[in-house]
Amino acid sequence: MKPRLSADFRFALMVLFGGLAVLAITPFAVYRFASGQLVAGLVDVLIELVIVAIVAYAWRSGNMDRAGLLASLATSAGCVAVGTVGGLAGALWLYPVLVANFLLAGRMTAIAISAGAVLAMVSGDSLGDWPARGSFAASAIVLSVFAWLFSNHSEQQRLHLERLAGRDPLTGALNRRGMDGELQAVIAAAGRDGAPAGLAVLDLDDFKQVNDRHGHEAGDGVLVQFAELVRRATRASDRLYRTGGEEFVLLMPGADAATLARIARGLRRAVRDQVRCGGEPVTVSIGATPVRPDDSVASWYARADRAMYRAKREGRDRAVVDAGVDPAPGGRSRG
């Protein structure tokens, strides 16, 4: 539980919400039973049981979207029920739930649930006359607006941080953070419906000499040139990752063996012709291989990596394509 709470913010938020709700509701449930308010006490206990069940569902299933929706619906309906039975004292519980709705559910969903709860609360007569109901509705709307603004701002910040965390700041290429997950998804598609895909490991040749002769700033410029060239020369669906100092990985969904070979050869030529440092050409060694239905992330990557090292051994400035099967003599494709 502890590692998951640290790694999954939404799950941690759900557990925190559930724990605080149970701790806050329990004393009132005890008081209501003790003072003879059996219906209100039963409603409190039912709300607690539903919250605990939803947290357990979130823990077991990992479906935080559905768990958040269920929690918002259950607690909002519970607040309406408590407000109907207990009047204004019960209705006040809706205020923290309105805030929680925008943290647990999607913003549009939270708006719909919150609006329905406020409307249901003011439609009855448990809050008294219309001035009292109007005051409650207005204050609930103002609170909901601020909750929406806060959740929207927080979500934009989260997305921005995720984009920063998932990209190499120098080249703009993706980093290793999400690469394994994307490779696994492509492998699953290949095993399920035979969807083709290619993987290439690209390593700039003699890059240490570039840094030693021209300086690290010039070397950074070469990396930026290289990444921009790859993005221009490949398709919008292809994904470029920087996995080391001068090593990159290119994932090409939908690329069969022939397409993979064509792209690898074209990239090798384009780098030699267009990437420069101090007026001298920069070259790249490329190892590429199509996905097999029985591949793992490790086996697919290792096959492409071995092909790249073959390109290095054969003189650099090479593109070696491993067809993904045991090659016959002379069966390697190189550009």
C-alpha atoms as a PDB file:
ATOM      1  CA  MET A   1       0.000   0.000   0.000  1.00  0.00           C
ATOM      2  CA  LYS A   2       2.728   2.498   0.962  1.00  0.00           C
ATOM      3  CA  PRO A   3       4.644   2.356  -2.355  1.00  0.00           C
ATOM      4  CA  ARG A   4       1.395   2.772  -4.258  1.00  0.00           C
ATOM      5  CA  LEU A   5       0.375   5.769  -2.156  1.00  0.00           C
ATOM      6  CA  SER A   6       3.722   7.359  -3.005  1.00  0.00           C
ATOM      7  CA  ALA A   7       3.513   6.591  -6.720  1.00  0.00           C
ATOM      8  CA  ASP A   8      -0.182   7.177  -7.471  1.00  0.00           C
ATOM      9  CA  PHE A   9      -1.394  10.640  -6.472  1.00  0.00           C
ATOM     10  CA  ARG A  10      -5.013   9.987  -7.384  1.00  0.00           C
ATOM     11  CA  PHE A  11      -5.108   6.802  -5.319  1.00  0.00           C
ATOM     12  CA  ALA A  12      -3.485   8.640  -2.385  1.00  0.00           C
ATOM     13  CA  LEU A  13      -6.100  11.365  -2.720  1.00  0.00           C
ATOM     14  CA  MET A  14      -8.878   8.769  -2.731  1.00  0.00           C
ATOM     15  CA  VAL A  15      -7.520   7.096   0.418  1.00  0.00           C
ATOM     16  CA  LEU A  16      -7.116  10.473   2.138  1.00  0.00           C
ATOM     17  CA  PHE A  17     -10.640  11.499   1.206  1.00  0.00           C
ATOM     18  CA  GLY A  18     -12.077   8.202   2.423  1.00  0.00           C
ATOM     19  CA  GLY A  19     -10.143   8.281   5.683  1.00  0.00           C
ATOM     20  CA  LEU A  20     -11.092  11.881   6.478  1.00  0.00           C
ATOM     21  CA  ALA A  21     -14.729  11.232   5.582  1.00  0.00           C
ATOM     22  CA  VAL A  22     -14.967   8.230   7.918  1.00  0.00           C
ATOM     23  CA  LEU A  23     -13.190  10.071  10.734  1.00  0.00           C
ATOM     24  CA  ALA A  24     -15.449  13.111  10.341  1.00  0.00           C
ATOM     25  CA  ILE A  25     -18.741  11.217   9.988  1.00  0.00           C
ATOM     26  CA  THR A  26     -18.285   8.624  12.750  1.00  0.00           C
ATOM     27  CA  PRO A  27     -18.732  10.989  15.770  1.00  0.00           C
ATOM     28  CA  PHE A  28     -21.940  12.386  14.263  1.00  0.00           C
ATOM     29  CA  ALA A  29     -23.259   8.909  13.551  1.00  0.00           C
ATOM     30  CA  VAL A  30     -22.623   7.920  17.175  1.00  0.00           C
ATOM     31  CA  TYR A  31     -24.310  11.089  18.414  1.00  0.00           C
ATOM     32  CA  ARG A  32     -27.352  10.578  16.226  1.00  0.00           C
ATOM     33  CA  PHE A  33     -27.839   7.002  17.373  1.00  0.00           C
ATOM     34  CA  ALA A  34     -27.389   8.096  20.991  1.00  0.00           C
ATOM     35  CA  SER A  35     -29.935  10.912  20.638  1.00  0.00           C
ATOM     36  CA  GLY A  36     -32.530   8.742  18.904  1.00  0.00           C
ATOM     37  CA  GLN A  37     -32.016  10.075  15.351  1.00  0.00           C
ATOM     38  CA  LEU A  38     -31.977   6.572  13.909  1.00  0.00           C
ATOM     39  CA  VAL A  39     -32.661   7.488  10.282  1.00  0.00           C
ATOM     40  CA  ALA A  40     -29.898  10.124  10.176  1.00  0.00           C
ATOM     41  CA  GLY A  41     -27.525   7.739  11.954  1.00  0.00           C
ATOM     42  CA  LEU A  42     -28.236   4.952   9.468  1.00  0.00           C
ATOM     43  CA  VAL A  43     -27.632   7.339   6.578  1.00  0.00           C
ATOM     44  CA  ASP A  44     -24.249   8.256   8.092  1.00  0.00           C
ATOM     45  CA  VAL A  45     -23.276   4.606   8.491  1.00  0.00           C
ATOM     46  CA  LEU A  46     -24.405   3.802   4.941  1.00  0.00           C
ATOM     47  CA  ILE A  47     -22.299   6.666   3.576  1.00  0.00           C
ATOM     48  CA  GLU A  48     -19.260   5.368   5.481  1.00  0.00           C
ATOM     49  CA  LEU A  49     -19.721   1.826   4.185  1.00  0.00           C
ATOM     50  CA  VAL A  50     -20.072   3.045   0.597  1.00  0.00           C
ATOM     51  CA  ILE A  51     -16.937   5.185   0.902  1.00  0.00           C
ATOM     52  CA  VAL A  52     -14.921   2.281   2.306  1.00  0.00           C
ATOM     53  CA  ALA A  53     -16.210   0.017  -0.489  1.00  0.00           C
ATOM     54  CA  ILE A  54     -15.201   2.561  -3.143  1.00  0.00           C
ATOM     55  CA  VAL A  55     -11.690   2.942  -1.690  1.00  0.00           C
ATOM     56  CA  ALA A  56     -11.360  -0.869  -1.664  1.00  0.00           C
ATOM     57  CA  TYR A  57     -12.513  -0.963  -5.284  1.00  0.00           C
ATOM     58  CA  ALA A  58      -9.923   1.664  -6.229  1.00  0.00           C
ATOM     59  CA  TRP A  59      -7.197  -0.340  -4.498  1.00  0.00           C
ATOM     60  CA  ARG A  60      -8.104  -3.646  -6.142  1.00  0.00           C
ATOM     61  CA  SER A  61      -9.011  -2.458  -9.640  1.00  0.00           C
ATOM     62  CA  GLY A  62      -6.728   0.539 -10.113  1.00  0.00           C
ATOM     63  CA  ASN A  63      -9.535   2.207 -12.116  1.00  0.00           C
ATOM     64  CA  MET A  64      -9.310   5.652 -10.559  1.00  0.00           C
ATOM     65  CA  ASP A  65     -11.626   7.298 -13.096  1.00  0.00           C
ATOM     66  CA  ARG A  66     -14.506   5.003 -12.167  1.00  0.00           C
ATOM     67  CA  ALA A  67     -13.673   5.071  -8.462  1.00  0.00           C
ATOM     68  CA  GLY A  68     -13.608   8.890  -8.474  1.00  0.00           C
ATOM     69  CA  LEU A  69     -16.948   9.011 -10.276  1.00  0.00           C
ATOM     70  CA  LEU A  70     -18.513   6.575  -7.795  1.00  0.00           C
ATOM     71  CA  ALA A  71     -17.112   8.504  -4.822  1.00  0.00           C
ATOM     72  CA  SER A  72     -18.469  11.807  -6.135  1.00  0.00           C
ATOM     73  CA  LEU A  73     -21.905  10.347  -6.836  1.00  0.00           C
ATOM     74  CA  ALA A  74     -22.126   8.503  -3.514  1.00  0.00           C
ATOM     75  CA  THR A  75     -20.960  11.327  -1.264  1.00  0.00           C
ATOM     76  CA  SER A  76     -23.032  13.970  -3.069  1.00  0.00           C
ATOM     77  CA  ALA A  77     -26.155  11.808  -2.837  1.00  0.00           C
ATOM     78  CA  GLY A  78     -25.333  11.092   0.804  1.00  0.00           C
ATOM     79  CA  CYS A  79     -25.054  14.800   1.588  1.00  0.00           C
ATOM     80  CA  VAL A  80     -28.430  15.438  -0.045  1.00  0.00           C
ATOM     81  CA  ALA A  81     -29.927  12.633   2.050  1.00  0.00           C
ATOM     82  CA  VAL A  82     -28.360  13.942   5.273  1.00  0.00           C
ATOM     83  CA  GLY A  83     -29.482  17.472   4.448  1.00  0.00           C
ATOM     84  CA  THR A  84     -33.025  16.272   3.758  1.00  0.00           C
ATOM     85  CA  VAL A  85     -33.147  14.501   7.119  1.00  0.00           C
ATOM     86  CA  GLY A  86     -31.098  16.895   9.225  1.00  0.00           C
ATOM     87  CA  GLY A  87     -31.792  20.282   7.652  1.00  0.00           C
ATOM     88  CA  LEU A  88     -29.073  22.930   7.368  1.00  0.00           C
ATOM     89  CA  ALA A  89     -26.746  21.121   9.810  1.00  0.00           C
ATOM     90  CA  GLY A  90     -26.695  18.161   7.426  1.00  0.00           C
ATOM     91  CA  ALA A  91     -26.606  20.262   4.275  1.00  0.00           C
ATOM     92  CA  LEU A  92     -23.362  21.942   5.349  1.00  0.00           C
ATOM     93  CA  TRP A  93     -21.568  18.657   4.629  1.00  0.00           C
ATOM     94  CA  LEU A  94     -22.104  19.346   0.944  1.00  0.00           C
ATOM     95  CA  TYR A  95     -19.514  22.139   0.967  1.00  0.00           C
ATOM     96  CA  PRO A  96     -16.398  19.945   1.380  1.00  0.00           C
ATOM     97  CA  VAL A  97     -17.924  17.373  -0.989  1.00  0.00           C
ATOM     98  CA  LEU A  98     -18.295  20.037  -3.694  1.00  0.00           C
ATOM     99  CA  VAL A  99     -14.556  20.702  -3.440  1.00  0.00           C
ATOM    100  CA  ALA A 100     -13.729  16.989  -3.397  1.00  0.00           C
ATOM    101  CA  ASN A 101     -15.815  16.387  -6.534  1.00  0.00           C
ATOM    102  CA  PHE A 102     -13.405  18.458  -8.616  1.00  0.00           C
ATOM    103  CA  LEU A 103     -10.432  16.497  -7.259  1.00  0.00           C
ATOM    104  CA  LEU A 104     -11.946  13.032  -7.572  1.00  0.00           C
ATOM    105  CA  ALA A 105     -13.859  13.229 -10.860  1.00  0.00           C
ATOM    106  CA  GLY A 106     -13.296  14.938 -14.200  1.00  0.00           C
ATOM    107  CA  ARG A 107     -14.133  18.623 -14.227  1.00  0.00           C
ATOM    108  CA  MET A 108     -17.210  18.389 -16.458  1.00  0.00           C
ATOM    109  CA  THR A 109     -18.457  15.381 -14.507  1.00  0.00           C
ATOM    110  CA  ALA A 110     -17.874  17.239 -11.237  1.00  0.00           C
ATOM    111  CA  ILE A 111     -19.860  20.229 -12.528  1.00  0.00           C
ATOM    112  CA  ALA A 112     -22.813  18.007 -13.414  1.00  0.00           C
ATOM    113  CA  ILE A 113     -22.772  16.095 -10.113  1.00  0.00           C
ATOM    114  CA  SER A 114     -22.305  19.240  -8.011  1.00  0.00           C
ATOM    115  CA  ALA A 115     -25.046  21.122  -9.856  1.00  0.00           C
ATOM    116  CA  GLY A 116     -27.412  18.187  -9.387  1.00  0.00           C
ATOM    117  CA  ALA A 117     -26.629  17.964  -5.664  1.00  0.00           C
ATOM    118  CA  VAL A 118     -27.147  21.692  -5.067  1.00  0.00           C
ATOM    119  CA  LEU A 119     -30.376  21.670  -7.077  1.00  0.00           C
ATOM    120  CA  ALA A 120     -31.665  18.653  -5.156  1.00  0.00           C
ATOM    121  CA  MET A 121     -30.766  20.286  -1.836  1.00  0.00           C
ATOM    122  CA  VAL A 122     -32.582  23.556  -2.531  1.00  0.00           C
ATOM    123  CA  SER A 123     -35.594  21.899  -4.173  1.00  0.00           C
ATOM    124  CA  GLY A 124     -36.843  20.480  -0.872  1.00  0.00           C
ATOM    125  CA  ASP A 125     -38.033  22.392   2.157  1.00  0.00           C
ATOM    126  CA  SER A 126     -35.429  21.139   4.636  1.00  0.00           C
ATOM    127  CA  LEU A 127     -33.437  24.400   4.377  1.00  0.00           C
ATOM    128  CA  GLY A 128     -36.413  26.622   5.153  1.00  0.00           C
ATOM    129  CA  ASP A 129     -37.743  29.484   3.054  1.00  0.00           C
ATOM    130  CA  TRP A 130     -36.428  30.613  -0.313  1.00  0.00           C
ATOM    131  CA  PRO A 131     -34.062  33.312   0.990  1.00  0.00           C
ATOM    132  CA  ALA A 132     -32.252  30.619   3.002  1.00  0.00           C
ATOM    133  CA  ARG A 133     -32.227  28.247   0.063  1.00  0.00           C
ATOM    134  CA  GLY A 134     -31.006  30.986  -2.271  1.00  0.00           C
ATOM    135  CA  SER A 135     -28.220  31.893   0.133  1.00  0.00           C
ATOM    136  CA  PHE A 136     -27.152  28.243   0.330  1.00  0.00           C
ATOM    137  CA  ALA A 137     -27.264  27.852  -3.458  1.00  0.00           C
ATOM    138  CA  ALA A 138     -25.287  31.042  -4.093  1.00  0.00           C
ATOM    139  CA  SER A 139     -22.580  30.142  -1.584  1.00  0.00           C
ATOM    140  CA  ALA A 140     -22.368  26.604  -2.993  1.00  0.00           C
ATOM    141  CA  ILE A 141     -22.012  27.957  -6.535  1.00  0.00           C
ATOM    142  CA  VAL A 142     -19.246  30.377  -5.526  1.00  0.00           C
ATOM    143  CA  LEU A 143     -17.405  27.563  -3.759  1.00  0.00           C
ATOM    144  CA  SER A 144     -17.776  25.306  -6.803  1.00  0.00           C
ATOM    145  CA  VAL A 145     -16.413  27.991  -9.132  1.00  0.00           C
ATOM    146  CA  PHE A 146     -13.294  28.395  -7.006  1.00  0.00           C
ATOM    147  CA  ALA A 147     -12.914  24.609  -6.758  1.00  0.00           C
ATOM    148  CA  TRP A 148     -13.151  24.370 -10.566  1.00  0.00           C
ATOM    149  CA  LEU A 149     -10.562  27.111 -11.043  1.00  0.00           C
ATOM    150  CA  PHE A 150      -8.191  25.443  -8.582  1.00  0.00           C
ATOM    151  CA  SER A 151      -8.583  21.978 -10.120  1.00  0.00           C
ATOM    152  CA  ASN A 152      -8.170  23.346 -13.652  1.00  0.00           C
ATOM    153  CA  HIS A 153      -4.996  25.206 -12.722  1.00  0.00           C
ATOM    154  CA  SER A 154      -3.615  22.182 -10.872  1.00  0.00           C
ATOM    155  CA  GLU A 155      -4.336  19.894 -13.829  1.00  0.00           C
ATOM    156  CA  GLN A 156      -2.575  22.232 -16.263  1.00  0.00           C
ATOM    157  CA  GLN A 157       0.451  22.372 -13.980  1.00  0.00           C
ATOM    158  CA  ARG A 158       0.482  18.579 -13.657  1.00  0.00           C
ATOM    159  CA  LEU A 159       0.359  18.100 -17.440  1.00  0.00           C
ATOM    160  CA  HIS A 160       3.119  20.651 -17.918  1.00  0.00           C
ATOM    161  CA  LEU A 161       5.337  18.925 -15.347  1.00  0.00           C
ATOM    162  CA  GLU A 162       4.650  15.532 -16.937  1.00  0.00           C
ATOM    163  CA  ARG A 163       5.679  16.889 -20.331  1.00  0.00           C
ATOM    164  CA  LEU A 164       8.871  18.298 -18.824  1.00  0.00           C
ATOM    165  CA  ALA A 165       9.596  15.064 -16.952  1.00  0.00           C
ATOM    166  CA  GLY A 166       9.052  12.972 -20.077  1.00  0.00           C
ATOM    167  CA  ARG A 167      11.349  14.934 -22.404  1.00  0.00           C
ATOM    168  CA  ASP A 168      15.044  15.544 -22.722  1.00  0.00           C
ATOM    169  CA  PRO A 169      15.486  19.287 -22.092  1.00  0.00           C
ATOM    170  CA  LEU A 170      18.293  19.680 -24.643  1.00  0.00           C
ATOM    171  CA  THR A 171      16.914  17.934 -27.720  1.00  0.00           C
ATOM    172  CA  GLY A 172      13.192  17.811 -26.986  1.00  0.00           C
ATOM    173  CA  ALA A 173      13.247  14.047 -27.588  1.00  0.00           C
ATOM    174  CA  LEU A 174      11.340  11.821 -25.213  1.00  0.00           C
ATOM    175  CA  ASN A 175      13.362  10.174 -22.458  1.00  0.00           C
ATOM    176  CA  ARG A 176      13.366   6.621 -21.097  1.00  0.00           C
ATOM    177  CA  ARG A 177      10.623   7.428 -18.598  1.00  0.00           C
ATOM    178  CA  GLY A 178       7.771   6.234 -20.787  1.00  0.00           C
ATOM    179  CA  MET A 179       9.640   4.254 -23.433  1.00  0.00           C
ATOM    180  CA  ASP A 180       9.187   0.775 -21.965  1.00  0.00           C
ATOM    181  CA  GLY A 181       5.435   1.293 -21.601  1.00  0.00           C
ATOM    182  CA  GLU A 182       5.065   2.403 -25.212  1.00  0.00           C
ATOM    183  CA  LEU A 183       7.176  -0.474 -26.495  1.00  0.00           C
ATOM    184  CA  GLN A 184       5.093  -2.900 -24.483  1.00  0.00           C
ATOM    185  CA  ALA A 185       1.880  -1.484 -25.976  1.00  0.00           C
ATOM    186  CA  VAL A 186       3.261  -1.921 -29.507  1.00  0.00           C
ATOM    187  CA  ILE A 187       4.345  -5.500 -28.719  1.00  0.00           C
ATOM    188  CA  ALA A 188       0.862  -6.254 -27.367  1.00  0.00           C
ATOM    189  CA  ALA A 189      -0.700  -4.955 -30.605  1.00  0.00           C
ATOM    190  CA  ALA A 190       1.681  -7.125 -32.637  1.00  0.00           C
ATOM    191  CA  GLY A 191       0.734 -10.204 -30.641  1.00  0.00           C
ATOM    192  CA  ARG A 192      -2.976  -9.425 -30.774  1.00  0.00           C
ATOM    193  CA  ASP A 193      -3.545  -8.468 -34.405  1.00  0.00           C
ATOM    194  CA  GLY A 194      -0.157  -8.709 -36.114  1.00  0.00           C
ATOM    195  CA  ALA A 195       0.373  -4.951 -36.322  1.00  0.00           C
ATOM    196  CA  PRO A 196       3.875  -4.263 -37.690  1.00  0.00           C
ATOM    197  CA  ALA A 197       6.347  -1.947 -35.969  1.00  0.00           C
ATOM    198  CA  GLY A 198      10.048  -1.201 -36.104  1.00  0.00           C
ATOM    199  CA  LEU A 199      12.632  -0.193 -33.521  1.00  0.00           C
ATOM    200  CA  ALA A 200      15.954   1.479 -34.291  1.00  0.00           C
ATOM    201  CA  VAL A 201      18.903   2.315 -32.060  1.00  0.00           C
ATOM    202  CA  LEU A 202      20.856   5.308 -33.392  1.00  0.00           C
ATOM    203  CA  ASP A 203      24.308   6.136 -32.053  1.00  0.00           C
ATOM    204  CA  LEU A 204      26.329   9.114 -33.297  1.00  0.00           C
ATOM    205  CA  ASP A 205      29.806   8.044 -34.411  1.00  0.00           C
ATOM    206  CA  ASP A 206      32.944   9.254 -32.582  1.00  0.00           C
ATOM    207  CA  PHE A 207      30.907  11.713 -30.548  1.00  0.00           C
ATOM    208  CA  LYS A 208      33.587  11.929 -27.841  1.00  0.00           C
ATOM    209  CA  GLN A 209      35.969  13.300 -30.458  1.00  0.00           C
ATOM    210  CA  VAL A 210      33.379  15.927 -31.394  1.00  0.00           C
ATOM    211  CA  ASN A 211      33.279  17.111 -27.779  1.00  0.00           C
ATOM    212  CA  ASP A 212      37.066  16.924 -27.369  1.00  0.00           C
ATOM    213  CA  ARG A 213      37.850  18.820 -30.582  1.00  0.00           C
ATOM    214  CA  HIS A 214      35.064  21.377 -30.640  1.00  0.00           C
ATOM    215  CA  GLY A 215      33.822  21.606 -27.044  1.00  0.00           C
ATOM    216  CA  HIS A 216      30.706  20.429 -25.278  1.00  0.00           C
ATOM    217  CA  GLU A 217      28.631  23.373 -26.474  1.00  0.00           C
ATOM    218  CA  ALA A 218      29.306  22.362 -30.076  1.00  0.00           C
ATOM    219  CA  GLY A 219      28.497  18.768 -29.143  1.00  0.00           C
ATOM    220  CA  ASP A 220      25.154  19.885 -27.713  1.00  0.00           C
ATOM    221  CA  GLY A 221      24.497  21.678 -30.983  1.00  0.00           C
ATOM    222  CA  VAL A 222      25.109  18.449 -32.894  1.00  0.00           C
ATOM    223  CA  LEU A 223      22.610  16.609 -30.684  1.00  0.00           C
ATOM    224  CA  VAL A 224      20.002  19.310 -31.300  1.00  0.00           C
ATOM    225  CA  GLN A 225      20.637  19.213 -35.076  1.00  0.00           C
ATOM    226  CA  PHE A 226      20.370  15.439 -35.076  1.00  0.00           C
ATOM    227  CA  ALA A 227      17.094  15.321 -33.130  1.00  0.00           C
ATOM    228  CA  GLU A 228      15.512  17.994 -35.328  1.00  0.00           C
ATOM    229  CA  LEU A 229      16.586  16.157 -38.472  1.00  0.00           C
ATOM    230  CA  VAL A 230      15.106  12.854 -37.252  1.00  0.00           C
ATOM    231  CA  ARG A 231      11.811  14.530 -36.423  1.00  0.00           C
ATOM    232  CA  ARG A 232      11.662  16.142 -39.875  1.00  0.00           C
ATOM    233  CA  ALA A 233      12.613  12.937 -41.685  1.00  0.00           C
ATOM    234  CA  THR A 234      10.192  10.592 -39.889  1.00  0.00           C
ATOM    235  CA  ARG A 235       6.441  10.321 -39.610  1.00  0.00           C
ATOM    236  CA  ALA A 236       4.237  12.069 -37.059  1.00  0.00           C
ATOM    237  CA  SER A 237       3.446   8.717 -35.434  1.00  0.00           C
ATOM    238  CA  ASP A 238       7.136   7.839 -34.882  1.00  0.00           C
ATOM    239  CA  ARG A 239       8.606   8.405 -31.426  1.00  0.00           C
ATOM    240  CA  LEU A 240      12.189   9.527 -30.777  1.00  0.00           C
ATOM    241  CA  TYR A 241      13.797   8.875 -27.385  1.00  0.00           C
ATOM    242  CA  ARG A 242      17.165   9.968 -26.073  1.00  0.00           C
ATOM    243  CA  THR A 243      18.487   7.064 -24.007  1.00  0.00           C
ATOM    244  CA  GLY A 244      22.090   8.145 -23.431  1.00  0.00           C
ATOM    245  CA  GLY A 245      24.618  10.856 -24.222  1.00  0.00           C
ATOM    246  CA  GLU A 246      24.667  10.315 -28.003  1.00  0.00           C
ATOM    247  CA  GLU A 247      22.318   7.337 -28.237  1.00  0.00           C
ATOM    248  CA  PHE A 248      18.722   7.586 -29.385  1.00  0.00           C
ATOM    249  CA  VAL A 249      15.918   5.114 -29.976  1.00  0.00           C
ATOM    250  CA  LEU A 250      13.307   5.501 -32.707  1.00  0.00           C
ATOM    251  CA  LEU A 251       9.994   3.647 -32.384  1.00  0.00           C
ATOM    252  CA  MET A 252       8.099   3.306 -35.687  1.00  0.00           C
ATOM    253  CA  PRO A 253       4.575   1.898 -35.269  1.00  0.00           C
ATOM    254  CA  GLY A 254       3.161   0.451 -38.485  1.00  0.00           C
ATOM    255  CA  ALA A 255       6.562   0.067 -40.139  1.00  0.00           C
ATOM    256  CA  ASP A 256       7.149  -3.351 -41.708  1.00  0.00           C
ATOM    257  CA  ALA A 257      10.648  -4.664 -42.484  1.00  0.00           C
ATOM    258  CA  ALA A 258      10.856  -2.955 -45.889  1.00  0.00           C
ATOM    259  CA  THR A 259       9.689   0.405 -44.512  1.00  0.00           C
ATOM    260  CA  LEU A 260      12.060   0.064 -41.572  1.00  0.00           C
ATOM    261  CA  ALA A 261      15.034  -0.548 -43.875  1.00  0.00           C
ATOM    262  CA  ARG A 262      14.085   2.421 -46.061  1.00  0.00           C
ATOM    263  CA  ILE A 263      13.754   4.766 -43.082  1.00  0.00           C
ATOM    264  CA  ALA A 264      17.022   3.593 -41.500  1.00  0.00           C
ATOM    265  CA  ARG A 265      18.983   4.041 -44.732  1.00  0.00           C
ATOM    266  CA  GLY A 266      17.424   7.411 -45.390  1.00  0.00           C
ATOM    267  CA  LEU A 267      18.248   8.643 -41.901  1.00  0.00           C
ATOM    268  CA  ARG A 268      21.861   7.514 -42.193  1.00  0.00           C
ATOM    269  CA  ARG A 269      22.304   9.411 -45.456  1.00  0.00           C
ATOM    270  CA  ALA A 270      20.490  12.498 -44.172  1.00  0.00           C
ATOM    271  CA  VAL A 271      22.665  12.706 -41.054  1.00  0.00           C
ATOM    272  CA  ARG A 272      25.880  12.368 -43.080  1.00  0.00           C
ATOM    273  CA  ASP A 273      24.721  15.030 -45.564  1.00  0.00           C
ATOM    274  CA  GLN A 274      23.100  17.560 -43.226  1.00  0.00           C
ATOM    275  CA  VAL A 275      24.551  17.403 -39.700  1.00  0.00           C
ATOM    276  CA  ARG A 276      27.769  19.368 -39.340  1.00  0.00           C
ATOM    277  CA  CYS A 277      30.174  20.363 -36.588  1.00  0.00           C
ATOM    278  CA  GLY A 278      32.990  22.770 -37.370  1.00  0.00           C
ATOM    279  CA  GLY A 279      32.281  22.274 -41.049  1.00  0.00           C
ATOM    280  CA  GLU A 280      32.861  18.524 -40.787  1.00  0.00           C
ATOM    281  CA  PRO A 281      30.162  15.888 -41.374  1.00  0.00           C
ATOM    282  CA  VAL A 282      28.749  13.895 -38.488  1.00  0.00           C
ATOM    283  CA  THR A 283      27.690  10.284 -39.068  1.00  0.00           C
ATOM    284  CA  VAL A 284      25.483   7.798 -37.271  1.00  0.00           C
ATOM    285  CA  SER A 285      25.393   4.024 -36.869  1.00  0.00           C
ATOM    286  CA  ILE A 286      21.897   2.555 -36.897  1.00  0.00           C
ATOM    287  CA  GLY A 287      20.642  -0.863 -35.839  1.00  0.00           C
ATOM    288  CA  ALA A 288      17.003  -1.650 -36.552  1.00  0.00           C
ATOM    289  CA  THR A 289      14.643  -4.602 -36.309  1.00  0.00           C
ATOM    290  CA  PRO A 290      10.909  -5.266 -36.706  1.00  0.00           C
ATOM    291  CA  VAL A 291       8.871  -6.505 -33.770  1.00  0.00           C
ATOM    292  CA  ARG A 292       8.084 -10.193 -33.305  1.00  0.00           C
ATOM    293  CA  PRO A 293       4.757 -11.268 -31.778  1.00  0.00           C
ATOM    294  CA  ASP A 294       6.674 -13.155 -29.070  1.00  0.00           C
ATOM    295  CA  ASP A 295       9.038 -10.280 -28.239  1.00  0.00           C
ATOM    296  CA  SER A 296       9.500  -8.705 -24.845  1.00  0.00           C
ATOM    297  CA  VAL A 297      10.691  -5.124 -24.464  1.00  0.00           C
ATOM    298  CA  ALA A 298      14.140  -6.428 -23.522  1.00  0.00           C
ATOM    299  CA  SER A 299      14.473  -8.855 -26.441  1.00  0.00           C
ATOM    300  CA  TRP A 300      13.273  -6.338 -29.028  1.00  0.00           C
ATOM    301  CA  TYR A 301      15.585  -3.608 -27.772  1.00  0.00           C
ATOM    302  CA  ALA A 302      18.530  -6.013 -27.460  1.00  0.00           C
ATOM    303  CA  ARG A 303      18.134  -7.151 -31.081  1.00  0.00           C
ATOM    304  CA  ALA A 304      18.188  -3.556 -32.341  1.00  0.00           C
ATOM    305  CA  ASP A 305      21.143  -2.760 -30.083  1.00  0.00           C
ATOM    306  CA  ARG A 306      23.131  -5.718 -31.396  1.00  0.00           C
ATOM    307  CA  ALA A 307      22.439  -4.584 -34.968  1.00  0.00           C
ATOM    308  CA  MET A 308      23.737  -1.121 -34.080  1.00  0.00           C
ATOM    309  CA  TYR A 309      26.978  -2.581 -32.715  1.00  0.00           C
ATOM    310  CA  ARG A 310      27.371  -4.594 -35.931  1.00  0.00           C
ATOM    311  CA  ALA A 311      27.146  -1.312 -37.809  1.00  0.00           C
ATOM    312  CA  LYS A 312      29.894   0.086 -35.573  1.00  0.00           C
ATOM    313  CA  ARG A 313      32.134  -2.934 -36.117  1.00  0.00           C
ATOM    314  CA  GLU A 314      31.675  -2.807 -39.880  1.00  0.00           C
ATOM    315  CA  GLY A 315      33.050   0.718 -40.106  1.00  0.00           C
ATOM    316  CA  ARG A 316      30.389   3.078 -38.718  1.00  0.00           C
ATOM    317  CA  ASP A 317      28.123   5.252 -40.871  1.00  0.00           C
ATOM    318  CA  ARG A 318      26.061   2.102 -41.474  1.00  0.00           C
ATOM    319  CA  ALA A 319      22.429   1.028 -41.135  1.00  0.00           C
ATOM    320  CA  VAL A 320      22.082  -2.668 -40.266  1.00  0.00           C
ATOM    321  CA  VAL A 321      18.586  -4.135 -40.214  1.00  0.00           C
ATOM    322  CA  ASP A 322      18.003  -7.412 -38.392  1.00  0.00           C
ATOM    323  CA  ALA A 323      14.990  -9.020 -40.039  1.00  0.00           C
ATOM    324  CA  GLY A 324      13.908 -10.492 -36.719  1.00  0.00           C
ATOM    325  CA  VAL A 325      14.650 -14.091 -37.740  1.00  0.00           C
ATOM    326  CA  ASP A 326      17.846 -16.134 -37.798  1.00  0.00           C
ATOM    327  CA  PRO A 327      19.667 -14.529 -40.745  1.00  0.00           C
ATOM    328  CA  ALA A 328      21.106 -16.528 -43.587  1.00  0.00           C
ATOM    329  CA  PRO A 329      24.653 -15.629 -44.658  1.00  0.00           C
ATOM    330  CA  GLY A 330      24.561 -12.253 -46.337  1.00  0.00           C
ATOM    331  CA  GLY A 331      21.013 -11.747 -45.119  1.00  0.00           C
ATOM    332  CA  ARG A 332      21.758  -8.481 -43.312  1.00  0.00           C
ATOM    333  CA  SER A 333      20.428  -5.337 -44.861  1.00  0.00           C
ATOM    334  CA  ARG A 334      22.644  -2.310 -44.669  1.00  0.00           C
ATOM    335  CA  GLY A 335      22.668   1.119 -46.239  1.00  0.00           C
END
